[in-house]
Amino acid sequence: LADFLERVSDDLARRHEYRTPRFRPDIGYSSRGREPENGDSCLWFEGPGNCFYVLLCDGMGTGSGAEKESAEAARLLRQMLQAGFPAEYALRSLNSLAVLREFGGCSTVDLVQIHLDSGKGMMYKWGASPSYLMVSGQLRKIGTASPPPGLSHSCREVADRLSLSRGERLILLSDGVSEEGLLDSARTTPSQPPGEMAAAILEKEPSEGDDATAVVVRLLPDCLSAS
């Protein structure tokens, strides 16, 4: 209840007051497909107000079919979010559409919503692999395995509050990346730029197997807002 009331308070304040962004996103991305078509789709983009989104969709299997499903899911979510729809509404609309089309389980969803004025945000997961928050070199798992969207109208996303305002890093992974590879990389690359860290995570993975994607997100102080 306290979390819900805090979210309502934040949203009401943003509707009536423009807040200068204090942060700018720094995204690192590395991906490898088993076939020429990669079934993992990753987007990051600005939304209304001070919202910034990072989206990772993992299509079922590999090849052109997986690429098509993940890209379509990412495209629809981006359109709704940039139009101003709440994240929960956008995700549940995607779920309802997948149920109607009988395409349940074709793509998982990781959606990160960050407010650049506060550094706070939400992590939405639907069928996706666990993510990790790195704080002072230590990793904390976010999310657990759950059914993907499109299996039932009654299914819902899983949401966790997070903050990246103090140098934390959020690591998103498709299911082609093992936890062991991540842990090895995190021990040796805790201070590297996000792009180098994402690439190092995939270096630990064998070339065969499922499509593999690593995304590393952090916030940097916005020099314009500080001046």
Protein backbone atom coordinates (compact mmCIF):
# COMPACT_ATOMS: atom_id res chain seq x y z
CA LEU A 1 0.00 0.00 0.00
CA ALA A 2 2.86 2.40 0.80
CA ASP A 3 4.48 1.74 -2.58
CA PHE A 4 1.16 2.31 -4.34
CA LEU A 5 0.53 5.61 -2.58
CA GLU A 6 4.07 6.78 -3.35
CA ARG A 7 3.57 6.04 -7.03
CA VAL A 8 0.26 7.91 -7.07
CA SER A 9 1.90 10.89 -5.39
CA ASP A 10 4.77 10.93 -7.89
CA ASP A 11 2.41 10.70 -10.86
CA LEU A 12 0.18 13.51 -9.59
CA ALA A 13 3.16 15.79 -9.10
CA ARG A 14 4.43 15.14 -12.61
CA ARG A 15 1.06 16.00 -14.14
CA HIS A 16 1.21 19.55 -12.81
CA GLU A 17 4.90 20.36 -12.68
CA TYR A 18 7.77 20.09 -15.13
CA ARG A 19 10.94 18.85 -13.50
CA THR A 20 14.32 19.39 -15.13
CA PRO A 21 16.06 16.06 -15.87
CA ARG A 22 18.92 15.41 -13.47
CA PHE A 23 20.24 12.35 -15.28
CA ARG A 24 20.95 11.05 -18.75
CA PRO A 25 20.88 7.35 -19.64
CA ASP A 26 24.02 5.44 -20.60
CA ILE A 27 23.15 2.15 -22.31
CA GLY A 28 25.46 -0.71 -23.25
CA TYR A 29 24.20 -3.45 -25.57
CA SER A 30 25.66 -6.64 -26.98
CA SER A 31 23.80 -9.38 -28.84
CA ARG A 32 24.60 -12.55 -30.75
CA GLY A 33 22.23 -14.63 -32.86
CA ARG A 34 22.47 -18.35 -33.46
CA GLU A 35 21.20 -17.74 -37.02
CA PRO A 36 21.46 -14.67 -39.30
CA GLU A 37 18.14 -13.45 -37.86
CA ASN A 38 18.40 -12.61 -34.16
CA GLY A 39 15.31 -13.43 -32.09
CA ASP A 40 16.17 -10.85 -29.40
CA SER A 41 14.93 -7.28 -29.96
CA CYS A 42 16.19 -4.38 -27.85
CA LEU A 43 15.03 -0.75 -27.97
CA TRP A 44 15.56 2.31 -25.78
CA PHE A 45 13.69 5.54 -26.26
CA GLU A 46 12.26 8.64 -24.61
CA GLY A 47 8.63 8.81 -23.51
CA PRO A 48 6.37 11.67 -22.44
CA GLY A 49 7.64 13.95 -19.71
CA ASN A 50 10.88 12.75 -18.15
CA CYS A 51 10.26 9.05 -18.78
CA PHE A 52 12.89 6.92 -20.47
CA TYR A 53 12.32 3.30 -21.48
CA VAL A 54 14.53 0.28 -22.12
CA LEU A 55 12.82 -2.71 -23.71
CA LEU A 56 14.10 -6.24 -24.34
CA CYS A 57 11.89 -8.83 -26.04
CA ASP A 58 13.08 -12.42 -26.47
CA GLY A 59 11.30 -14.33 -29.24
CA MET A 60 10.62 -18.02 -28.77
CA GLY A 61 13.29 -20.16 -30.41
CA THR A 62 15.67 -18.76 -33.00
CA GLY A 63 15.64 -17.57 -36.60
CA SER A 64 13.21 -15.46 -38.61
CA GLY A 65 10.10 -16.52 -36.68
CA ALA A 66 11.57 -15.48 -33.34
CA GLU A 67 12.88 -12.25 -34.85
CA LYS A 68 9.45 -11.36 -36.25
CA GLU A 69 7.60 -11.97 -32.99
CA SER A 70 10.04 -10.11 -30.75
CA ALA A 71 10.28 -7.15 -33.15
CA GLU A 72 6.50 -6.90 -33.42
CA ALA A 73 6.06 -6.99 -29.64
CA ALA A 74 8.73 -4.33 -29.18
CA ARG A 75 7.20 -2.12 -31.89
CA LEU A 76 3.69 -2.25 -30.41
CA LEU A 77 4.91 -1.51 -26.90
CA ARG A 78 7.01 1.42 -28.09
CA GLN A 79 4.06 2.94 -29.94
CA MET A 80 1.79 2.73 -26.90
CA LEU A 81 4.39 4.01 -24.44
CA GLN A 82 5.38 6.98 -26.61
CA ALA A 83 1.69 7.78 -27.01
CA GLY A 84 1.48 8.18 -23.24
CA PHE A 85 -0.18 4.92 -22.20
CA PRO A 86 0.81 3.66 -18.74
CA ALA A 87 3.26 0.77 -18.83
CA GLU A 88 0.79 -1.64 -17.21
CA TYR A 89 -1.86 -0.83 -19.82
CA ALA A 90 0.59 -1.27 -22.70
CA LEU A 91 1.78 -4.66 -21.41
CA ARG A 92 -1.73 -5.97 -20.78
CA SER A 93 -2.85 -4.78 -24.21
CA LEU A 94 0.01 -6.77 -25.75
CA ASN A 95 -1.06 -9.79 -23.69
CA SER A 96 -4.68 -9.50 -24.82
CA LEU A 97 -3.65 -9.19 -28.46
CA ALA A 98 -1.41 -12.28 -28.19
CA VAL A 99 -4.29 -14.25 -26.61
CA LEU A 100 -6.67 -13.23 -29.42
CA ARG A 101 -4.12 -14.17 -32.09
CA GLU A 102 -3.36 -17.43 -30.26
CA PHE A 103 0.33 -16.53 -30.24
CA GLY A 104 0.83 -17.12 -26.54
CA GLY A 105 4.41 -17.55 -25.41
CA CYS A 106 5.97 -16.21 -28.60
CA SER A 107 7.93 -13.42 -26.91
CA THR A 108 8.94 -12.46 -23.38
CA VAL A 109 9.17 -8.86 -22.21
CA ASP A 110 11.58 -6.90 -20.05
CA LEU A 111 10.50 -3.26 -19.71
CA VAL A 112 12.36 -0.64 -17.68
CA GLN A 113 10.77 2.75 -16.99
CA ILE A 114 13.06 5.39 -15.53
CA HIS A 115 12.20 8.95 -14.48
CA LEU A 116 15.18 11.10 -15.43
CA ASP A 117 14.28 13.78 -12.88
CA SER A 118 14.61 11.42 -9.90
CA GLY A 119 16.51 8.35 -11.12
CA LYS A 120 13.70 6.15 -9.81
CA GLY A 121 11.70 3.76 -11.89
CA MET A 122 10.01 0.42 -12.37
CA MET A 123 11.15 -2.92 -13.76
CA TYR A 124 8.35 -4.83 -15.51
CA LYS A 125 8.89 -8.49 -16.39
CA TRP A 126 6.63 -10.90 -18.24
CA GLY A 127 8.10 -14.33 -18.83
CA ALA A 128 11.63 -12.93 -19.03
CA SER A 129 14.82 -14.22 -17.44
CA PRO A 130 15.87 -12.65 -14.13
CA SER A 131 17.65 -9.31 -14.27
CA TYR A 132 20.34 -8.04 -11.92
CA LEU A 133 21.00 -4.79 -10.11
CA MET A 134 24.67 -4.11 -9.43
CA VAL A 135 25.31 -2.00 -6.34
CA SER A 136 28.93 -1.38 -5.28
CA GLY A 137 30.06 -4.41 -7.25
CA GLN A 138 27.45 -6.72 -5.69
CA LEU A 139 24.63 -8.28 -7.71
CA ARG A 140 20.99 -8.51 -6.62
CA LYS A 141 18.60 -10.63 -8.65
CA ILE A 142 15.34 -9.04 -9.84
CA GLY A 143 12.44 -11.19 -10.96
CA THR A 144 11.83 -14.93 -11.23
CA ALA A 145 10.73 -17.26 -14.00
CA SER A 146 7.07 -16.84 -14.98
CA PRO A 147 4.80 -17.69 -17.96
CA PRO A 148 5.20 -15.42 -21.02
CA PRO A 149 2.38 -13.13 -22.21
CA GLY A 150 -0.41 -14.40 -24.41
CA LEU A 151 -1.38 -17.54 -22.50
CA SER A 152 -4.37 -16.12 -20.61
CA HIS A 153 -6.29 -12.85 -20.20
CA SER A 154 -5.89 -13.23 -16.43
CA CYS A 155 -2.07 -13.26 -16.50
CA ARG A 156 -0.26 -10.17 -15.26
CA GLU A 157 3.20 -8.68 -15.40
CA VAL A 158 5.55 -8.67 -12.41
CA ALA A 159 6.79 -5.25 -11.29
CA ASP A 160 9.63 -4.14 -9.01
CA ARG A 161 10.62 -0.65 -7.97
CA LEU A 162 14.23 0.37 -8.52
CA SER A 163 16.56 3.35 -8.38
CA LEU A 164 19.64 4.10 -10.49
CA SER A 165 20.33 7.50 -8.95
CA ARG A 166 23.52 6.50 -7.08
CA GLY A 167 25.51 4.77 -9.78
CA GLU A 168 23.69 1.45 -9.72
CA ARG A 169 23.71 -0.64 -12.90
CA LEU A 170 20.78 -2.65 -14.18
CA ILE A 171 21.65 -5.73 -16.25
CA LEU A 172 19.02 -7.25 -18.55
CA LEU A 173 19.62 -10.69 -20.08
CA SER A 174 17.84 -12.88 -22.60
CA ASP A 175 17.56 -16.56 -21.73
CA GLY A 176 20.59 -17.39 -23.88
CA VAL A 177 22.89 -15.91 -21.21
CA SER A 178 23.82 -18.06 -18.22
CA GLU A 179 24.02 -16.80 -14.66
CA GLU A 180 27.50 -18.27 -14.36
CA GLY A 181 28.81 -16.17 -17.25
CA LEU A 182 27.29 -13.04 -15.76
CA LEU A 183 28.83 -13.66 -12.35
CA ASP A 184 32.28 -14.22 -13.86
CA SER A 185 32.03 -11.01 -15.88
CA ALA A 186 30.69 -8.94 -13.01
CA ARG A 187 33.69 -9.83 -10.88
CA THR A 188 36.14 -8.58 -13.50
CA THR A 189 34.27 -5.63 -15.09
CA PRO A 190 32.40 -3.78 -12.29
CA SER A 191 33.71 -0.35 -13.33
CA GLN A 192 33.86 -0.72 -17.11
CA PRO A 193 31.55 1.34 -19.36
CA PRO A 194 28.19 -0.38 -19.98
CA GLY A 195 29.06 -1.31 -23.58
CA GLU A 196 32.27 -3.05 -22.57
CA MET A 197 30.54 -4.79 -19.70
CA ALA A 198 27.74 -6.10 -21.95
CA ALA A 199 30.30 -7.41 -24.46
CA ALA A 200 32.30 -9.09 -21.68
CA ILE A 201 29.19 -10.91 -20.45
CA LEU A 202 28.63 -12.48 -23.88
CA GLU A 203 32.29 -13.44 -24.20
CA LYS A 204 31.69 -15.96 -21.43
CA GLU A 205 28.92 -17.68 -23.40
CA PRO A 206 29.46 -20.50 -25.95
CA SER A 207 28.76 -19.55 -29.56
CA GLU A 208 26.19 -22.32 -30.04
CA GLY A 209 22.81 -22.39 -28.33
CA ASP A 210 20.04 -19.81 -28.04
CA ASP A 211 20.28 -16.17 -29.10
CA ALA A 212 22.06 -14.21 -26.38
CA THR A 213 21.69 -10.53 -25.44
CA ALA A 214 23.04 -8.46 -22.56
CA VAL A 215 21.97 -4.87 -21.82
CA VAL A 216 23.60 -2.72 -19.14
CA VAL A 217 21.84 0.47 -17.99
CA ARG A 218 23.16 3.24 -15.76
CA LEU A 219 22.40 6.92 -15.22
CA LEU A 220 24.95 9.72 -15.45
CA PRO A 221 24.50 13.23 -14.04
CA ASP A 222 23.10 15.64 -16.60
CA CYS A 223 25.61 18.47 -16.86
CA LEU A 224 23.03 20.86 -18.32
CA SER A 225 20.72 20.49 -15.32
CA ALA A 226 23.59 21.05 -12.90
CA SER A 227 24.79 24.23 -14.58
